[in-house]
Amino acid sequence: MLKIDNKFRQIRKEKKITQAEIGKRAGWTQSRVADFENGRYSVENITLGNAIALANALGCTLDEVFTINEDESQE
């Protein structure tokens, strides 16, 4: 089974951008950004538009933010 992971928090911290700033850039609230980072907002259910908005807010490509891996625990 495939699993989508995100490096959103890691990239955000490396670029020294706050959750509030990402929220402002992406059109989200700071609490929604926090929910996404903490796994309360499923990556698998994110819309393409929101994924693009988040990547743009970070100044990254979708490939840099999201990776698809084999989830070996599901086998």
N, C-alpha and C. Protein backbone atom coordinates (compact mmCIF):
# COMPACT_ATOMS: atom_id res chain seq x y z
N MET A 1 0.84 -1.17 0.00
CA MET A 1 0.00 0.00 0.00
C MET A 1 0.90 1.25 0.00
N LEU A 2 0.48 2.25 -0.72
CA LEU A 2 1.25 3.49 -0.77
C LEU A 2 0.84 4.43 0.36
N LYS A 3 1.81 5.16 0.88
CA LYS A 3 1.56 6.11 1.95
C LYS A 3 2.15 7.45 1.53
N ILE A 4 1.40 8.52 1.74
CA ILE A 4 1.88 9.86 1.42
C ILE A 4 2.43 10.48 2.69
N ASP A 5 3.67 10.92 2.64
CA ASP A 5 4.30 11.62 3.76
C ASP A 5 4.54 13.06 3.34
N ASN A 6 4.63 13.92 4.34
CA ASN A 6 4.95 15.30 4.00
C ASN A 6 6.11 15.79 4.84
N LYS A 7 6.91 16.65 4.25
CA LYS A 7 8.06 17.25 4.91
C LYS A 7 7.77 18.71 5.22
N PHE A 8 6.49 19.01 5.34
CA PHE A 8 6.03 20.37 5.49
C PHE A 8 6.67 21.06 6.70
N ARG A 9 6.57 20.45 7.89
CA ARG A 9 7.11 21.06 9.10
C ARG A 9 8.62 21.25 8.99
N GLN A 10 9.30 20.24 8.50
CA GLN A 10 10.76 20.29 8.36
C GLN A 10 11.17 21.46 7.46
N ILE A 11 10.52 21.58 6.31
CA ILE A 11 10.85 22.66 5.38
C ILE A 11 10.52 24.02 5.98
N ARG A 12 9.36 24.10 6.63
CA ARG A 12 8.94 25.37 7.24
C ARG A 12 9.95 25.83 8.28
N LYS A 13 10.40 24.90 9.11
CA LYS A 13 11.37 25.26 10.15
C LYS A 13 12.73 25.62 9.55
N GLU A 14 13.15 24.88 8.53
CA GLU A 14 14.42 25.20 7.87
C GLU A 14 14.40 26.60 7.27
N LYS A 15 13.25 27.00 6.76
CA LYS A 15 13.13 28.33 6.14
C LYS A 15 12.76 29.41 7.16
N LYS A 16 12.59 28.98 8.43
CA LYS A 16 12.28 29.90 9.52
C LYS A 16 11.01 30.71 9.25
N ILE A 17 9.96 30.00 8.82
CA ILE A 17 8.66 30.61 8.55
C ILE A 17 7.70 30.11 9.63
N THR A 18 6.91 31.00 10.18
CA THR A 18 5.95 30.61 11.21
C THR A 18 4.72 29.95 10.60
N GLN A 19 4.00 29.23 11.43
CA GLN A 19 2.74 28.64 10.98
C GLN A 19 1.77 29.73 10.56
N ALA A 20 1.76 30.83 11.29
CA ALA A 20 0.86 31.93 10.96
C ALA A 20 1.17 32.50 9.58
N GLU A 21 2.46 32.64 9.25
CA GLU A 21 2.84 33.17 7.94
C GLU A 21 2.45 32.20 6.83
N ILE A 22 2.66 30.92 7.05
CA ILE A 22 2.25 29.92 6.05
C ILE A 22 0.74 29.99 5.86
N GLY A 23 0.01 30.08 6.96
CA GLY A 23 -1.44 30.19 6.87
C GLY A 23 -1.87 31.39 6.06
N LYS A 24 -1.24 32.52 6.32
CA LYS A 24 -1.57 33.74 5.58
C LYS A 24 -1.28 33.57 4.09
N ARG A 25 -0.13 33.01 3.77
CA ARG A 25 0.25 32.82 2.36
C ARG A 25 -0.65 31.81 1.64
N ALA A 26 -1.08 30.78 2.37
CA ALA A 26 -1.86 29.70 1.75
C ALA A 26 -3.37 29.91 1.87
N GLY A 27 -3.78 30.92 2.61
CA GLY A 27 -5.21 31.15 2.80
C GLY A 27 -5.81 30.24 3.86
N TRP A 28 -4.99 29.78 4.78
CA TRP A 28 -5.43 28.92 5.88
C TRP A 28 -5.24 29.67 7.18
N THR A 29 -5.87 29.17 8.25
CA THR A 29 -5.62 29.70 9.58
C THR A 29 -4.37 29.04 10.14
N GLN A 30 -3.78 29.65 11.13
CA GLN A 30 -2.60 29.07 11.79
C GLN A 30 -2.96 27.72 12.41
N SER A 31 -4.16 27.62 12.98
CA SER A 31 -4.55 26.36 13.62
C SER A 31 -4.71 25.24 12.59
N ARG A 32 -5.14 25.56 11.39
CA ARG A 32 -5.26 24.54 10.34
C ARG A 32 -3.87 24.07 9.90
N VAL A 33 -2.92 24.99 9.84
CA VAL A 33 -1.54 24.61 9.52
C VAL A 33 -1.01 23.68 10.61
N ALA A 34 -1.26 24.02 11.88
CA ALA A 34 -0.83 23.17 12.99
C ALA A 34 -1.47 21.80 12.92
N ASP A 35 -2.76 21.76 12.61
CA ASP A 35 -3.46 20.48 12.47
C ASP A 35 -2.83 19.63 11.37
N PHE A 36 -2.49 20.24 10.27
CA PHE A 36 -1.87 19.52 9.16
C PHE A 36 -0.50 18.98 9.59
N GLU A 37 0.29 19.81 10.24
CA GLU A 37 1.62 19.38 10.68
C GLU A 37 1.56 18.27 11.71
N ASN A 38 0.53 18.28 12.55
CA ASN A 38 0.43 17.31 13.64
C ASN A 38 -0.36 16.06 13.26
N GLY A 39 -0.72 15.94 11.99
CA GLY A 39 -1.39 14.74 11.52
C GLY A 39 -2.88 14.68 11.79
N ARG A 40 -3.47 15.77 12.23
CA ARG A 40 -4.91 15.80 12.46
C ARG A 40 -5.68 16.10 11.17
N TYR A 41 -4.96 16.44 10.12
CA TYR A 41 -5.55 16.71 8.81
C TYR A 41 -4.86 15.75 7.85
N SER A 42 -5.57 14.75 7.41
CA SER A 42 -4.99 13.67 6.62
C SER A 42 -4.39 14.16 5.30
N VAL A 43 -3.14 13.82 5.09
CA VAL A 43 -2.46 14.18 3.85
C VAL A 43 -3.15 13.53 2.65
N GLU A 44 -3.62 12.32 2.83
CA GLU A 44 -4.28 11.61 1.74
C GLU A 44 -5.55 12.30 1.27
N ASN A 45 -6.14 13.12 2.13
CA ASN A 45 -7.40 13.78 1.80
C ASN A 45 -7.24 15.25 1.42
N ILE A 46 -6.02 15.73 1.33
CA ILE A 46 -5.81 17.13 0.96
C ILE A 46 -6.12 17.32 -0.53
N THR A 47 -6.75 18.41 -0.84
CA THR A 47 -7.06 18.68 -2.25
C THR A 47 -5.79 19.13 -2.97
N LEU A 48 -5.79 18.96 -4.26
CA LEU A 48 -4.65 19.39 -5.05
C LEU A 48 -4.43 20.90 -4.91
N GLY A 49 -5.52 21.65 -4.90
CA GLY A 49 -5.41 23.10 -4.75
C GLY A 49 -4.75 23.49 -3.44
N ASN A 50 -5.13 22.82 -2.34
CA ASN A 50 -4.52 23.11 -1.05
C ASN A 50 -3.06 22.67 -1.01
N ALA A 51 -2.76 21.54 -1.62
CA ALA A 51 -1.37 21.07 -1.67
C ALA A 51 -0.50 22.07 -2.43
N ILE A 52 -1.01 22.58 -3.53
CA ILE A 52 -0.26 23.57 -4.32
C ILE A 52 -0.10 24.85 -3.52
N ALA A 53 -1.16 25.27 -2.83
CA ALA A 53 -1.08 26.49 -2.01
C ALA A 53 -0.03 26.35 -0.92
N LEU A 54 0.03 25.18 -0.28
CA LEU A 54 1.04 24.97 0.76
C LEU A 54 2.44 24.95 0.18
N ALA A 55 2.62 24.28 -0.93
CA ALA A 55 3.94 24.24 -1.57
C ALA A 55 4.37 25.65 -1.99
N ASN A 56 3.46 26.40 -2.57
CA ASN A 56 3.77 27.77 -2.96
C ASN A 56 4.11 28.64 -1.76
N ALA A 57 3.38 28.46 -0.66
CA ALA A 57 3.63 29.23 0.56
C ALA A 57 5.03 28.97 1.09
N LEU A 58 5.53 27.76 0.85
CA LEU A 58 6.88 27.39 1.28
C LEU A 58 7.93 27.73 0.23
N GLY A 59 7.49 28.07 -0.96
CA GLY A 59 8.43 28.33 -2.05
C GLY A 59 9.07 27.05 -2.55
N CYS A 60 8.29 25.96 -2.55
CA CYS A 60 8.78 24.64 -2.95
C CYS A 60 7.87 24.03 -4.01
N THR A 61 8.33 22.93 -4.57
CA THR A 61 7.49 22.15 -5.48
C THR A 61 6.71 21.12 -4.66
N LEU A 62 5.69 20.56 -5.28
CA LEU A 62 4.94 19.49 -4.62
C LEU A 62 5.85 18.31 -4.28
N ASP A 63 6.76 17.98 -5.19
CA ASP A 63 7.69 16.87 -4.96
C ASP A 63 8.58 17.10 -3.74
N GLU A 64 8.93 18.34 -3.49
CA GLU A 64 9.77 18.64 -2.33
C GLU A 64 9.00 18.50 -1.02
N VAL A 65 7.71 18.77 -1.04
CA VAL A 65 6.90 18.74 0.17
C VAL A 65 6.31 17.35 0.44
N PHE A 66 5.87 16.68 -0.60
CA PHE A 66 5.19 15.40 -0.45
C PHE A 66 5.99 14.27 -1.09
N THR A 67 6.05 13.14 -0.42
CA THR A 67 6.69 11.95 -0.98
C THR A 67 5.74 10.78 -0.84
N ILE A 68 5.82 9.87 -1.77
CA ILE A 68 4.99 8.67 -1.74
C ILE A 68 5.90 7.48 -1.47
N ASN A 69 5.55 6.73 -0.43
CA ASN A 69 6.37 5.59 -0.01
C ASN A 69 5.51 4.34 0.10
N GLU A 70 6.16 3.20 0.03
CA GLU A 70 5.48 1.93 0.31
C GLU A 70 5.29 1.85 1.82
N ASP A 71 4.08 1.62 2.26
CA ASP A 71 3.79 1.46 3.68
C ASP A 71 3.84 -0.02 3.99
N GLU A 72 4.99 -0.47 4.47
CA GLU A 72 5.21 -1.89 4.69
C GLU A 72 4.40 -2.43 5.87
N SER A 73 3.98 -1.56 6.78
CA SER A 73 3.22 -2.03 7.94
C SER A 73 1.82 -2.49 7.58
N GLN A 74 1.34 -2.13 6.40
CA GLN A 74 -0.01 -2.49 5.97
C GLN A 74 -0.08 -3.86 5.31
N GLU A 75 1.06 -4.48 5.08
CA GLU A 75 1.06 -5.75 4.36
C GLU A 75 0.79 -6.91 5.27
